[in-house]
Amino acid sequence: MSKFNKEQKIEIYRKWKDEKISISQLSKAYKMNLANLDYMLRLIDMHGTNILETVK
């Protein structure tokens, strides 16, 4: 899995949530592990996009 920036993760989340594209389709389109994608989408769904903020 390559790293995705915050905007890309939000774009993937919006496609899943708003456009109802399945996790398996997104997994193939973005060449991302299905389990990792599922985990990321459910985290964003539960905690909102603020979870993507990095604290340094």
Protein backbone atom coordinates (compact mmCIF):
# COMPACT_ATOMS: atom_id res chain seq x y z
CA MET A 1 0.00 0.00 0.00
CA SER A 2 1.37 3.37 -0.92
CA LYS A 3 0.88 6.31 1.37
CA PHE A 4 -2.02 8.62 0.72
CA ASN A 5 -2.24 12.24 1.82
CA LYS A 6 -5.17 13.66 3.76
CA GLU A 7 -6.98 14.94 0.66
CA GLN A 8 -6.72 11.57 -1.07
CA LYS A 9 -8.08 9.77 1.99
CA ILE A 10 -11.01 12.19 2.16
CA GLU A 11 -11.66 11.66 -1.56
CA ILE A 12 -11.72 7.88 -1.05
CA TYR A 13 -14.03 8.29 1.96
CA ARG A 14 -16.44 10.51 -0.02
CA LYS A 15 -16.56 7.99 -2.87
CA TRP A 16 -17.43 5.26 -0.38
CA LYS A 17 -19.93 7.30 1.64
CA ASP A 18 -21.60 9.55 -0.94
CA GLU A 19 -21.21 7.68 -4.22
CA LYS A 20 -21.77 4.27 -2.59
CA ILE A 21 -18.73 2.71 -4.27
CA SER A 22 -17.90 -0.58 -2.57
CA ILE A 23 -14.78 -1.07 -0.49
CA SER A 24 -13.62 -3.86 -2.78
CA GLN A 25 -13.93 -1.61 -5.86
CA LEU A 26 -12.03 1.18 -4.12
CA SER A 27 -9.41 -1.31 -2.96
CA LYS A 28 -8.74 -2.36 -6.55
CA ALA A 29 -8.88 1.19 -7.94
CA TYR A 30 -6.38 2.56 -5.42
CA LYS A 31 -4.32 -0.65 -5.13
CA MET A 32 -4.90 -0.71 -1.39
CA ASN A 33 -5.23 -3.70 0.93
CA LEU A 34 -8.92 -4.39 1.52
CA ALA A 35 -8.61 -4.78 5.30
CA ASN A 36 -6.54 -1.59 5.66
CA LEU A 37 -8.99 0.38 3.53
CA ASP A 38 -11.95 -0.96 5.51
CA TYR A 39 -10.22 0.02 8.77
CA MET A 40 -9.41 3.53 7.50
CA LEU A 41 -12.94 4.17 6.22
CA ARG A 42 -14.56 2.98 9.44
CA LEU A 43 -12.21 5.14 11.54
CA ILE A 44 -13.08 8.21 9.48
CA ASP A 45 -16.78 7.31 9.65
CA MET A 46 -16.64 6.97 13.43
CA HIS A 47 -14.38 9.92 14.30
CA GLY A 48 -14.73 12.26 11.31
CA THR A 49 -12.02 13.66 9.08
CA ASN A 50 -10.29 15.25 12.08
CA ILE A 51 -8.78 11.82 12.76
CA LEU A 52 -6.56 12.44 9.71
CA GLU A 53 -4.83 15.43 11.30
CA THR A 54 -1.22 14.67 12.15
CA VAL A 55 0.24 15.96 15.38
CA LYS A 56 3.97 16.60 15.33
